[in-house]
């Protein structure tokens, strides 16, 4: 797919480093409870770890006890949704709509009023404090 930010895989690898590249460009997953943003609750904005695009506001973050940062909504138009049939499951993958970076998956089992749980890898996001 075409995205506003388009780089070669070599450019992404050099810019992101091996582990972030594995998550953001190769659709990897970090170990549960290992990410720095899992239990992070400050006021600000969570942005794409590859391109810096704002994706989630801190007021949408909650502790889902799943081991990854969880949000109940994204900033409109900032996340792309793709059906993911890997690993014998039917899931919805979430990508940064600006660069195509893999963020994680979204599920319809959230405990808040939206009923949505965006399950995001910490390595796929950065945080900008208000």
Protein backbone atom coordinates (compact mmCIF):
# COMPACT_ATOMS: atom_id res chain seq x y z
CA UNK A 1 0.00 0.00 0.00
CA UNK A 2 1.00 3.60 -0.49
CA UNK A 3 1.54 5.77 2.56
CA UNK A 4 2.47 9.45 2.90
CA UNK A 5 5.81 8.35 4.39
CA UNK A 6 7.54 5.82 2.18
CA UNK A 7 11.03 4.44 2.86
CA UNK A 8 12.94 1.36 1.78
CA UNK A 9 13.21 -1.50 4.23
CA UNK A 10 16.95 -0.76 4.52
CA UNK A 11 16.16 2.84 5.51
CA UNK A 12 13.60 1.69 8.09
CA UNK A 13 16.02 -0.86 9.56
CA UNK A 14 18.80 1.72 9.89
CA UNK A 15 16.45 4.28 11.44
CA UNK A 16 14.52 2.00 13.82
CA UNK A 17 17.11 -0.51 15.00
CA UNK A 18 16.59 -4.27 14.93
CA UNK A 19 13.93 -4.75 17.62
CA UNK A 20 11.72 -1.81 16.63
CA UNK A 21 12.13 -2.84 12.99
CA UNK A 22 10.96 -6.37 13.88
CA UNK A 23 7.80 -5.00 15.52
CA UNK A 24 6.92 -2.09 13.22
CA UNK A 25 7.97 -3.44 9.82
CA UNK A 26 7.87 -7.23 10.23
CA UNK A 27 4.66 -7.38 12.29
CA UNK A 28 6.35 -8.73 15.39
CA UNK A 29 5.06 -8.77 18.95
CA UNK A 30 6.90 -7.93 22.14
CA UNK A 31 6.61 -10.17 25.19
CA UNK A 32 3.64 -9.34 27.45
CA UNK A 33 4.38 -7.05 30.40
CA UNK A 34 7.76 -6.11 28.90
CA UNK A 35 6.94 -2.75 27.29
CA UNK A 36 7.60 0.60 28.91
CA UNK A 37 4.13 1.93 28.08
CA UNK A 38 2.10 -0.99 29.41
CA UNK A 39 1.47 0.62 32.83
CA UNK A 40 2.29 4.18 31.75
CA UNK A 41 -0.45 6.70 32.64
CA UNK A 42 0.65 10.29 32.02
CA UNK A 43 -1.19 13.04 30.16
CA UNK A 44 -0.10 13.33 26.56
CA UNK A 45 -0.21 11.70 23.15
CA UNK A 46 1.06 8.32 21.98
CA UNK A 47 2.64 8.61 18.54
CA UNK A 48 3.91 6.17 15.94
CA UNK A 49 7.38 4.95 16.88
CA UNK A 50 8.44 5.02 13.23
CA UNK A 51 7.16 8.35 11.90
CA UNK A 52 5.94 10.33 14.94
CA UNK A 53 2.32 10.62 13.79
CA UNK A 54 -0.13 11.10 16.74
CA UNK A 55 -2.24 7.94 17.16
CA UNK A 56 -3.81 7.78 20.64
CA UNK A 57 -4.60 10.34 23.34
CA UNK A 58 -3.76 9.43 26.93
CA UNK A 59 -7.40 9.77 28.02
CA UNK A 60 -8.21 6.70 25.89
CA UNK A 61 -5.61 4.50 27.65
CA UNK A 62 -6.62 1.93 30.25
CA UNK A 63 -5.15 -1.10 32.02
CA UNK A 64 -6.66 -4.14 30.34
CA UNK A 65 -4.40 -6.55 32.26
CA UNK A 66 -3.37 -8.13 28.94
CA UNK A 67 0.32 -7.15 29.18
CA UNK A 68 0.34 -4.55 26.40
CA UNK A 69 -0.71 -0.90 26.28
CA UNK A 70 -4.46 -0.70 25.65
CA UNK A 71 -6.61 2.11 24.31
CA UNK A 72 -10.37 2.32 23.73
CA UNK A 73 -10.19 4.65 20.72
CA UNK A 74 -7.68 6.07 18.28
CA UNK A 75 -7.37 9.57 16.92
CA UNK A 76 -9.75 9.59 13.90
CA UNK A 77 -8.07 8.80 10.59
CA UNK A 78 -4.70 7.92 12.14
CA UNK A 79 -5.04 4.11 12.28
CA UNK A 80 -5.60 1.70 9.40
CA UNK A 81 -7.40 -1.62 9.88
CA UNK A 82 -6.41 -4.81 8.01
CA UNK A 83 -7.85 -8.31 8.38
CA UNK A 84 -5.16 -10.63 9.79
CA UNK A 85 -5.58 -14.38 9.25
CA UNK A 86 -2.16 -15.36 10.59
CA UNK A 87 -1.52 -17.91 13.36
CA UNK A 88 -4.86 -19.67 12.73
CA UNK A 89 -6.88 -16.71 14.04
CA UNK A 90 -9.12 -14.04 12.57
CA UNK A 91 -8.02 -10.68 13.94
CA UNK A 92 -7.85 -7.05 12.90
CA UNK A 93 -4.34 -5.68 12.59
CA UNK A 94 -3.80 -1.99 13.24
CA UNK A 95 -1.26 0.06 11.28
CA UNK A 96 -0.16 3.67 11.32
CA UNK A 97 -2.07 5.28 8.45
CA UNK A 98 0.90 7.60 7.82
CA UNK A 99 3.72 5.06 7.36
CA UNK A 100 2.14 1.60 7.54
CA UNK A 101 3.95 0.65 10.75
CA UNK A 102 2.49 -2.35 12.59
CA UNK A 103 1.02 -1.28 15.93
CA UNK A 104 -0.75 -4.43 17.13
CA UNK A 105 -4.38 -5.56 16.93
CA UNK A 106 -7.82 -4.27 17.86
CA UNK A 107 -10.49 -6.37 19.59
CA UNK A 108 -14.19 -5.95 20.39
CA UNK A 109 -13.80 -6.94 24.05
CA UNK A 110 -12.96 -3.62 25.69
CA UNK A 111 -14.43 -2.87 29.12
CA UNK A 112 -15.18 0.82 28.43
CA UNK A 113 -18.19 2.39 26.71
CA UNK A 114 -16.58 1.99 23.26
CA UNK A 115 -16.31 -1.80 23.68
CA UNK A 116 -12.99 -1.59 21.80
CA UNK A 117 -9.50 -2.62 22.95
CA UNK A 118 -6.54 -1.50 20.86
CA UNK A 119 -3.72 -3.82 21.97
CA UNK A 120 -0.49 -2.01 21.04
CA UNK A 121 3.19 -2.92 21.26
CA UNK A 122 5.16 -0.40 23.36
CA UNK A 123 7.98 -0.53 20.82
CA UNK A 124 5.60 0.66 18.11
CA UNK A 125 4.79 3.91 19.91
CA UNK A 126 6.46 6.90 21.56
CA UNK A 127 4.95 9.26 24.11
CA UNK A 128 4.78 13.05 24.02
CA UNK A 129 3.85 14.59 27.35
CA UNK A 130 1.34 17.47 27.41
